[in-house]
Structures are given as structure tokens and as C-alpha cells.
Amino acid sequence: MQLPNPLDGIPRVSSIKILGVTVSSHMSVSEHVSPVIGRCAQTMHALRILRSQGLCREAVHRVYSSSIIGKLLYAVSSWWGFASAADRQRLQAILR
């Protein structure tokens, strides 16, 4: 498929962020999944530190549910179908 000529002053890009979800020109969301996993890993590390400092299990679970689950589920219905099997496995590993 041949792309149309670019318009003056409008650069052609290989990915676009739409309402916080990055989609590539190949209809892949890997560019979205990697940063989400990174942010979740940082939050999980902070939760481990808080737990070791005495935060109760219920509070840790509440913070996990509100922050990590929220990050993973944001607009998931719009991009889950474009996620590769590897991306899905990486996301499911965070939930375990």
C-alpha cells in the first residue's frame, strides 16, 4: 500500500498517543504496554517498601487495587485486541 504524500507542515509519525494510549502504525500497542509495566513495577517496589515498614496487608491491597489495577485497566477495552501474546503475558504477570 502506498501512503499519500505528506501535507506541508504536518510531520508523518510512526505512532500516536490517543487519550493516553500509544498505538503504532502497525496497530501494535507494545509502545503503550512497556511504560505501563514499568510504572506498575515501580509502584510494586514502593508497596514492598511500605509493607516492610509496617503498612498493614489490607492497606497494601487497597493501594495495589487502586493504583496498579487502575493503570492496567485504563482504556483496556480499546487496546487489548491489538496487544500481542507476549504483551498479554507480561501484563498478566503483573497481576500474579
C-alpha atoms as a PDB file:
ATOM      1  CA  MET A   1       0.000   0.000   0.000  1.00  0.00           C
ATOM      2  CA  GLN A   2       1.385   3.374  -0.959  1.00  0.00           C
ATOM      3  CA  LEU A   3       0.934   6.221   1.507  1.00  0.00           C
ATOM      4  CA  PRO A   4      -0.360   9.572   0.289  1.00  0.00           C
ATOM      5  CA  ASN A   5       2.056  12.479   0.080  1.00  0.00           C
ATOM      6  CA  PRO A   6       2.536  14.232   3.433  1.00  0.00           C
ATOM      7  CA  LEU A   7       0.885  17.600   3.932  1.00  0.00           C
ATOM      8  CA  ASP A   8       3.051  20.693   4.303  1.00  0.00           C
ATOM      9  CA  GLY A   9       3.909  21.404   7.927  1.00  0.00           C
ATOM     10  CA  ILE A  10       2.471  18.130   9.234  1.00  0.00           C
ATOM     11  CA  PRO A  11       5.126  15.515  10.018  1.00  0.00           C
ATOM     12  CA  ARG A  12       4.429  11.838   9.441  1.00  0.00           C
ATOM     13  CA  VAL A  13       4.795   9.768  12.627  1.00  0.00           C
ATOM     14  CA  SER A  14       5.037   6.048  13.291  1.00  0.00           C
ATOM     15  CA  SER A  15       2.956   6.124  16.478  1.00  0.00           C
ATOM     16  CA  ILE A  16       0.343   8.319  18.120  1.00  0.00           C
ATOM     17  CA  LYS A  17      -0.889   8.720  21.669  1.00  0.00           C
ATOM     18  CA  ILE A  18      -4.681   8.838  21.811  1.00  0.00           C
ATOM     19  CA  LEU A  19      -6.199   9.557  25.233  1.00  0.00           C
ATOM     20  CA  GLY A  20      -3.086   8.167  26.907  1.00  0.00           C
ATOM     21  CA  VAL A  21      -2.824   5.002  24.804  1.00  0.00           C
ATOM     22  CA  THR A  22       0.067   4.797  22.323  1.00  0.00           C
ATOM     23  CA  VAL A  23      -0.743   2.987  19.076  1.00  0.00           C
ATOM     24  CA  SER A  24       1.884   2.355  16.391  1.00  0.00           C
ATOM     25  CA  SER A  25       1.397   2.470  12.651  1.00  0.00           C
ATOM     26  CA  HIS A  26       1.423  -1.352  12.701  1.00  0.00           C
ATOM     27  CA  MET A  27      -1.612  -1.305  15.035  1.00  0.00           C
ATOM     28  CA  SER A  28       0.559  -2.532  17.910  1.00  0.00           C
ATOM     29  CA  VAL A  29       0.291  -1.335  21.494  1.00  0.00           C
ATOM     30  CA  SER A  30       3.719  -2.526  22.615  1.00  0.00           C
ATOM     31  CA  GLU A  31       4.813   1.110  22.943  1.00  0.00           C
ATOM     32  CA  HIS A  32       1.953   1.534  25.406  1.00  0.00           C
ATOM     33  CA  VAL A  33       2.411  -1.729  27.322  1.00  0.00           C
ATOM     34  CA  SER A  34       6.110  -1.314  28.151  1.00  0.00           C
ATOM     35  CA  PRO A  35       5.765   2.017  30.012  1.00  0.00           C
ATOM     36  CA  VAL A  36       2.654   0.769  31.822  1.00  0.00           C
ATOM     37  CA  ILE A  37       4.547  -2.298  33.038  1.00  0.00           C
ATOM     38  CA  GLY A  38       7.444  -0.081  34.107  1.00  0.00           C
ATOM     39  CA  ARG A  39       5.171   2.195  36.135  1.00  0.00           C
ATOM     40  CA  CYS A  40       3.482  -0.816  37.734  1.00  0.00           C
ATOM     41  CA  ALA A  41       6.866  -2.298  38.674  1.00  0.00           C
ATOM     42  CA  GLN A  42       7.854   0.989  40.335  1.00  0.00           C
ATOM     43  CA  THR A  43       4.603   1.049  42.289  1.00  0.00           C
ATOM     44  CA  MET A  44       5.052  -2.577  43.360  1.00  0.00           C
ATOM     45  CA  HIS A  45       8.555  -1.766  44.605  1.00  0.00           C
ATOM     46  CA  ALA A  46       7.163   1.136  46.645  1.00  0.00           C
ATOM     47  CA  LEU A  47       4.480  -1.171  48.063  1.00  0.00           C
ATOM     48  CA  ARG A  48       7.129  -3.698  49.116  1.00  0.00           C
ATOM     49  CA  ILE A  49       8.999  -0.941  50.937  1.00  0.00           C
ATOM     50  CA  LEU A  50       5.810   0.278  52.630  1.00  0.00           C
ATOM     51  CA  ARG A  51       4.968  -3.298  53.651  1.00  0.00           C
ATOM     52  CA  SER A  52       8.441  -3.788  55.139  1.00  0.00           C
ATOM     53  CA  GLN A  53       7.949  -0.526  57.080  1.00  0.00           C
ATOM     54  CA  GLY A  54       4.789  -1.882  58.695  1.00  0.00           C
ATOM     55  CA  LEU A  55       1.890  -0.911  56.426  1.00  0.00           C
ATOM     56  CA  CYS A  56      -0.883  -3.411  57.091  1.00  0.00           C
ATOM     57  CA  ARG A  57      -1.813  -6.038  54.494  1.00  0.00           C
ATOM     58  CA  GLU A  58      -5.263  -4.529  53.914  1.00  0.00           C
ATOM     59  CA  ALA A  59      -3.804  -1.093  53.157  1.00  0.00           C
ATOM     60  CA  VAL A  60      -1.220  -2.596  50.781  1.00  0.00           C
ATOM     61  CA  HIS A  61      -4.009  -4.431  48.966  1.00  0.00           C
ATOM     62  CA  ARG A  62      -6.109  -1.255  48.766  1.00  0.00           C
ATOM     63  CA  VAL A  63      -3.211   0.750  47.287  1.00  0.00           C
ATOM     64  CA  TYR A  64      -2.420  -2.117  44.872  1.00  0.00           C
ATOM     65  CA  SER A  65      -6.026  -2.284  43.704  1.00  0.00           C
ATOM     66  CA  SER A  66      -6.411   1.439  43.206  1.00  0.00           C
ATOM     67  CA  SER A  67      -3.063   2.172  41.569  1.00  0.00           C
ATOM     68  CA  ILE A  68      -1.793  -0.904  39.722  1.00  0.00           C
ATOM     69  CA  ILE A  69      -5.149  -2.293  38.660  1.00  0.00           C
ATOM     70  CA  GLY A  70      -6.181   1.207  37.574  1.00  0.00           C
ATOM     71  CA  LYS A  71      -3.055   1.591  35.424  1.00  0.00           C
ATOM     72  CA  LEU A  72      -3.564  -1.803  33.809  1.00  0.00           C
ATOM     73  CA  LEU A  73      -7.258  -1.375  33.115  1.00  0.00           C
ATOM     74  CA  TYR A  74      -7.161   2.194  31.765  1.00  0.00           C
ATOM     75  CA  ALA A  75      -8.822   2.031  28.315  1.00  0.00           C
ATOM     76  CA  VAL A  76      -8.099  -1.701  28.162  1.00  0.00           C
ATOM     77  CA  SER A  77     -11.232  -2.394  26.125  1.00  0.00           C
ATOM     78  CA  SER A  78      -9.885  -0.193  23.326  1.00  0.00           C
ATOM     79  CA  TRP A  79      -6.355  -1.636  23.066  1.00  0.00           C
ATOM     80  CA  TRP A  80      -6.451  -5.230  24.393  1.00  0.00           C
ATOM     81  CA  GLY A  81      -7.325  -6.636  20.964  1.00  0.00           C
ATOM     82  CA  PHE A  82      -4.184  -5.051  19.497  1.00  0.00           C
ATOM     83  CA  ALA A  83      -1.867  -6.469  22.174  1.00  0.00           C
ATOM     84  CA  SER A  84       0.451  -9.278  21.118  1.00  0.00           C
ATOM     85  CA  ALA A  85       0.531 -12.571  23.026  1.00  0.00           C
ATOM     86  CA  ALA A  86       3.851 -11.548  24.582  1.00  0.00           C
ATOM     87  CA  ASP A  87       2.387  -8.224  25.742  1.00  0.00           C
ATOM     88  CA  ARG A  88      -0.608 -10.002  27.257  1.00  0.00           C
ATOM     89  CA  GLN A  89       1.644 -12.422  29.128  1.00  0.00           C
ATOM     90  CA  ARG A  90       3.709  -9.533  30.502  1.00  0.00           C
ATOM     91  CA  LEU A  91       0.575  -7.758  31.696  1.00  0.00           C
ATOM     92  CA  GLN A  92      -0.840 -10.896  33.277  1.00  0.00           C
ATOM     93  CA  ALA A  93       2.459 -11.490  35.085  1.00  0.00           C
ATOM     94  CA  ILE A  94       1.971  -8.144  36.860  1.00  0.00           C
ATOM     95  CA  LEU A  95      -1.417  -9.329  38.115  1.00  0.00           C
ATOM     96  CA  ARG A  96       0.069 -12.509  39.536  1.00  0.00           C
END
